[in-house]
């Protein structure tokens, strides 16, 4: 999930079914995903 950038989707970014997703994904989220992918690729 991530923030919608076109201005026409601003309402979906703030009030969509996932709640307020402004600023997502965070750097920590991306780092966590990267580590999980590395773990999968090692197997």
PDB file of N, CA and C in Angstrom:
ATOM      1  N   UNK A   1       0.849  -1.161   0.000  1.00  0.00           N
ATOM      2  CA  UNK A   1       0.000   0.000   0.000  1.00  0.00           C
ATOM      3  C   UNK A   1       0.888   1.215   0.000  1.00  0.00           C
ATOM      4  N   UNK A   2       0.426   2.263  -0.629  1.00  0.00           N
ATOM      5  CA  UNK A   2       1.191   3.491  -0.686  1.00  0.00           C
ATOM      6  C   UNK A   2       0.309   4.670  -1.023  1.00  0.00           C
ATOM      7  N   UNK A   3       0.844   5.813  -0.740  1.00  0.00           N
ATOM      8  CA  UNK A   3       0.115   7.063  -0.948  1.00  0.00           C
ATOM      9  C   UNK A   3      -0.157   7.290  -2.432  1.00  0.00           C
ATOM     10  N   UNK A   4      -1.346   7.792  -2.740  1.00  0.00           N
ATOM     11  CA  UNK A   4      -1.690   8.184  -4.096  1.00  0.00           C
ATOM     12  C   UNK A   4      -1.139   9.583  -4.329  1.00  0.00           C
ATOM     13  N   UNK A   5      -0.382   9.785  -5.395  1.00  0.00           N
ATOM     14  CA  UNK A   5       0.252  11.075  -5.621  1.00  0.00           C
ATOM     15  C   UNK A   5      -0.542  12.047  -6.480  1.00  0.00           C
ATOM     16  N   UNK A   6      -1.262  11.630  -7.511  1.00  0.00           N
ATOM     17  CA  UNK A   6      -2.031  12.636  -8.246  1.00  0.00           C
ATOM     18  C   UNK A   6      -3.043  13.328  -7.325  1.00  0.00           C
ATOM     19  N   UNK A   7      -3.138  14.629  -7.440  1.00  0.00           N
ATOM     20  CA  UNK A   7      -4.012  15.421  -6.572  1.00  0.00           C
ATOM     21  C   UNK A   7      -5.466  14.954  -6.621  1.00  0.00           C
ATOM     22  N   UNK A   8      -5.893  14.406  -7.767  1.00  0.00           N
ATOM     23  CA  UNK A   8      -7.290  13.975  -7.876  1.00  0.00           C
ATOM     24  C   UNK A   8      -7.600  12.794  -6.961  1.00  0.00           C
ATOM     25  N   UNK A   9      -6.576  12.100  -6.479  1.00  0.00           N
ATOM     26  CA  UNK A   9      -6.774  10.954  -5.583  1.00  0.00           C
ATOM     27  C   UNK A   9      -6.519  11.287  -4.116  1.00  0.00           C
ATOM     28  N   UNK A  10      -6.358  12.571  -3.804  1.00  0.00           N
ATOM     29  CA  UNK A  10      -6.040  12.985  -2.436  1.00  0.00           C
ATOM     30  C   UNK A  10      -7.056  12.459  -1.423  1.00  0.00           C
ATOM     31  N   UNK A  11      -8.347  12.485  -1.775  1.00  0.00           N
ATOM     32  CA  UNK A  11      -9.379  11.998  -0.855  1.00  0.00           C
ATOM     33  C   UNK A  11      -9.187  10.519  -0.550  1.00  0.00           C
ATOM     34  N   UNK A  12      -8.766   9.740  -1.542  1.00  0.00           N
ATOM     35  CA  UNK A  12      -8.536   8.313  -1.311  1.00  0.00           C
ATOM     36  C   UNK A  12      -7.315   8.087  -0.425  1.00  0.00           C
ATOM     37  N   UNK A  13      -6.328   8.967  -0.517  1.00  0.00           N
ATOM     38  CA  UNK A  13      -5.134   8.867   0.313  1.00  0.00           C
ATOM     39  C   UNK A  13      -5.466   9.114   1.777  1.00  0.00           C
ATOM     40  N   UNK A  14      -6.394  10.021   2.021  1.00  0.00           N
ATOM     41  CA  UNK A  14      -6.706  10.417   3.396  1.00  0.00           C
ATOM     42  C   UNK A  14      -7.886   9.625   3.967  1.00  0.00           C
ATOM     43  N   UNK A  15      -8.917   9.421   3.171  1.00  0.00           N
ATOM     44  CA  UNK A  15     -10.155   8.821   3.681  1.00  0.00           C
ATOM     45  C   UNK A  15     -10.529   7.510   3.002  1.00  0.00           C
ATOM     46  N   UNK A  16      -9.577   6.841   2.382  1.00  0.00           N
ATOM     47  CA  UNK A  16      -9.871   5.596   1.691  1.00  0.00           C
ATOM     48  C   UNK A  16     -10.121   4.449   2.650  1.00  0.00           C
ATOM     49  N   UNK A  17     -10.391   3.278   2.121  1.00  0.00           N
ATOM     50  CA  UNK A  17     -10.719   2.111   2.962  1.00  0.00           C
ATOM     51  C   UNK A  17      -9.554   1.661   3.835  1.00  0.00           C
ATOM     52  N   UNK A  18      -8.331   2.068   3.483  1.00  0.00           N
ATOM     53  CA  UNK A  18      -7.161   1.716   4.296  1.00  0.00           C
ATOM     54  C   UNK A  18      -6.823   2.783   5.324  1.00  0.00           C
ATOM     55  N   UNK A  19      -7.624   3.827   5.379  1.00  0.00           N
ATOM     56  CA  UNK A  19      -7.367   4.912   6.319  1.00  0.00           C
ATOM     57  C   UNK A  19      -6.397   5.923   5.722  1.00  0.00           C
ATOM     58  N   UNK A  20      -5.769   6.674   6.559  1.00  0.00           N
ATOM     59  CA  UNK A  20      -4.837   7.720   6.126  1.00  0.00           C
ATOM     60  C   UNK A  20      -3.496   7.077   5.791  1.00  0.00           C
ATOM     61  N   UNK A  21      -3.156   7.050   4.508  1.00  0.00           N
ATOM     62  CA  UNK A  21      -1.916   6.400   4.077  1.00  0.00           C
ATOM     63  C   UNK A  21      -0.901   7.413   3.552  1.00  0.00           C
ATOM     64  N   UNK A  22      -1.043   8.672   3.978  1.00  0.00           N
ATOM     65  CA  UNK A  22      -0.072   9.682   3.561  1.00  0.00           C
ATOM     66  C   UNK A  22       1.313   9.298   4.056  1.00  0.00           C
ATOM     67  N   UNK A  23       2.294   9.448   3.173  1.00  0.00           N
ATOM     68  CA  UNK A  23       3.686   9.185   3.552  1.00  0.00           C
ATOM     69  C   UNK A  23       4.079   7.723   3.542  1.00  0.00           C
ATOM     70  N   UNK A  24       3.184   6.840   3.159  1.00  0.00           N
ATOM     71  CA  UNK A  24       3.516   5.420   3.128  1.00  0.00           C
ATOM     72  C   UNK A  24       3.953   5.001   1.734  1.00  0.00           C
ATOM     73  N   UNK A  25       4.820   4.052   1.579  1.00  0.00           N
ATOM     74  CA  UNK A  25       5.510   3.311   2.629  1.00  0.00           C
ATOM     75  C   UNK A  25       6.678   4.117   3.211  1.00  0.00           C
ATOM     76  N   UNK A  26       6.977   3.865   4.471  1.00  0.00           N
ATOM     77  CA  UNK A  26       8.102   4.505   5.150  1.00  0.00           C
ATOM     78  C   UNK A  26       9.387   3.772   4.765  1.00  0.00           C
ATOM     79  N   UNK A  27      10.514   4.409   5.029  1.00  0.00           N
ATOM     80  CA  UNK A  27      11.807   3.769   4.766  1.00  0.00           C
ATOM     81  C   UNK A  27      11.927   2.451   5.533  1.00  0.00           C
ATOM     82  N   UNK A  28      11.396   2.412   6.759  1.00  0.00           N
ATOM     83  CA  UNK A  28      11.460   1.188   7.556  1.00  0.00           C
ATOM     84  C   UNK A  28      10.644   0.067   6.891  1.00  0.00           C
ATOM     85  N   UNK A  29       9.501   0.421   6.322  1.00  0.00           N
ATOM     86  CA  UNK A  29       8.679  -0.568   5.620  1.00  0.00           C
ATOM     87  C   UNK A  29       9.445  -1.166   4.453  1.00  0.00           C
ATOM     88  N   UNK A  30      10.103  -0.305   3.685  1.00  0.00           N
ATOM     89  CA  UNK A  30      10.859  -0.772   2.520  1.00  0.00           C
ATOM     90  C   UNK A  30      12.045  -1.636   2.936  1.00  0.00           C
ATOM     91  N   UNK A  31      12.707  -1.274   4.020  1.00  0.00           N
ATOM     92  CA  UNK A  31      13.837  -2.073   4.511  1.00  0.00           C
ATOM     93  C   UNK A  31      13.371  -3.453   4.962  1.00  0.00           C
ATOM     94  N   UNK A  32      12.223  -3.510   5.630  1.00  0.00           N
ATOM     95  CA  UNK A  32      11.675  -4.788   6.084  1.00  0.00           C
ATOM     96  C   UNK A  32      11.344  -5.689   4.890  1.00  0.00           C
ATOM     97  N   UNK A  33      10.740  -5.118   3.873  1.00  0.00           N
ATOM     98  CA  UNK A  33      10.404  -5.888   2.686  1.00  0.00           C
ATOM     99  C   UNK A  33      11.673  -6.388   1.996  1.00  0.00           C
ATOM    100  N   UNK A  34      12.685  -5.533   1.903  1.00  0.00           N
ATOM    101  CA  UNK A  34      13.943  -5.930   1.279  1.00  0.00           C
ATOM    102  C   UNK A  34      14.559  -7.119   2.004  1.00  0.00           C
ATOM    103  N   UNK A  35      14.545  -7.101   3.323  1.00  0.00           N
ATOM    104  CA  UNK A  35      15.099  -8.216   4.094  1.00  0.00           C
ATOM    105  C   UNK A  35      14.306  -9.503   3.867  1.00  0.00           C
ATOM    106  N   UNK A  36      12.999  -9.395   3.795  1.00  0.00           N
ATOM    107  CA  UNK A  36      12.163 -10.578   3.543  1.00  0.00           C
ATOM    108  C   UNK A  36      12.445 -11.163   2.167  1.00  0.00           C
ATOM    109  N   UNK A  37      12.611 -10.302   1.181  1.00  0.00           N
ATOM    110  CA  UNK A  37      12.903 -10.774  -0.173  1.00  0.00           C
ATOM    111  C   UNK A  37      14.268 -11.455  -0.214  1.00  0.00           C
ATOM    112  N   UNK A  38      15.258 -10.888   0.458  1.00  0.00           N
ATOM    113  CA  UNK A  38      16.588 -11.501   0.515  1.00  0.00           C
ATOM    114  C   UNK A  38      16.481 -12.896   1.133  1.00  0.00           C
ATOM    115  N   UNK A  39      15.681 -13.036   2.185  1.00  0.00           N
ATOM    116  CA  UNK A  39      15.501 -14.325   2.827  1.00  0.00           C
ATOM    117  C   UNK A  39      14.864 -15.353   1.898  1.00  0.00           C
ATOM    118  N   UNK A  40      13.911 -14.916   1.112  1.00  0.00           N
ATOM    119  CA  UNK A  40      13.248 -15.815   0.165  1.00  0.00           C
ATOM    120  C   UNK A  40      14.228 -16.226  -0.926  1.00  0.00           C
ATOM    121  N   UNK A  41      15.026 -15.309  -1.420  1.00  0.00           N
ATOM    122  CA  UNK A  41      15.950 -15.606  -2.513  1.00  0.00           C
ATOM    123  C   UNK A  41      17.079 -16.529  -2.099  1.00  0.00           C
ATOM    124  N   UNK A  42      17.436 -16.540  -0.832  1.00  0.00           N
ATOM    125  CA  UNK A  42      18.500 -17.402  -0.333  1.00  0.00           C
ATOM    126  C   UNK A  42      18.065 -18.861  -0.330  1.00  0.00           C
ATOM    127  N   UNK A  43      16.791 -19.107  -0.114  1.00  0.00           N
ATOM    128  CA  UNK A  43      16.275 -20.482  -0.009  1.00  0.00           C
ATOM    129  C   UNK A  43      16.339 -21.204  -1.296  1.00  0.00           C
TER     130      UNK A  43
END
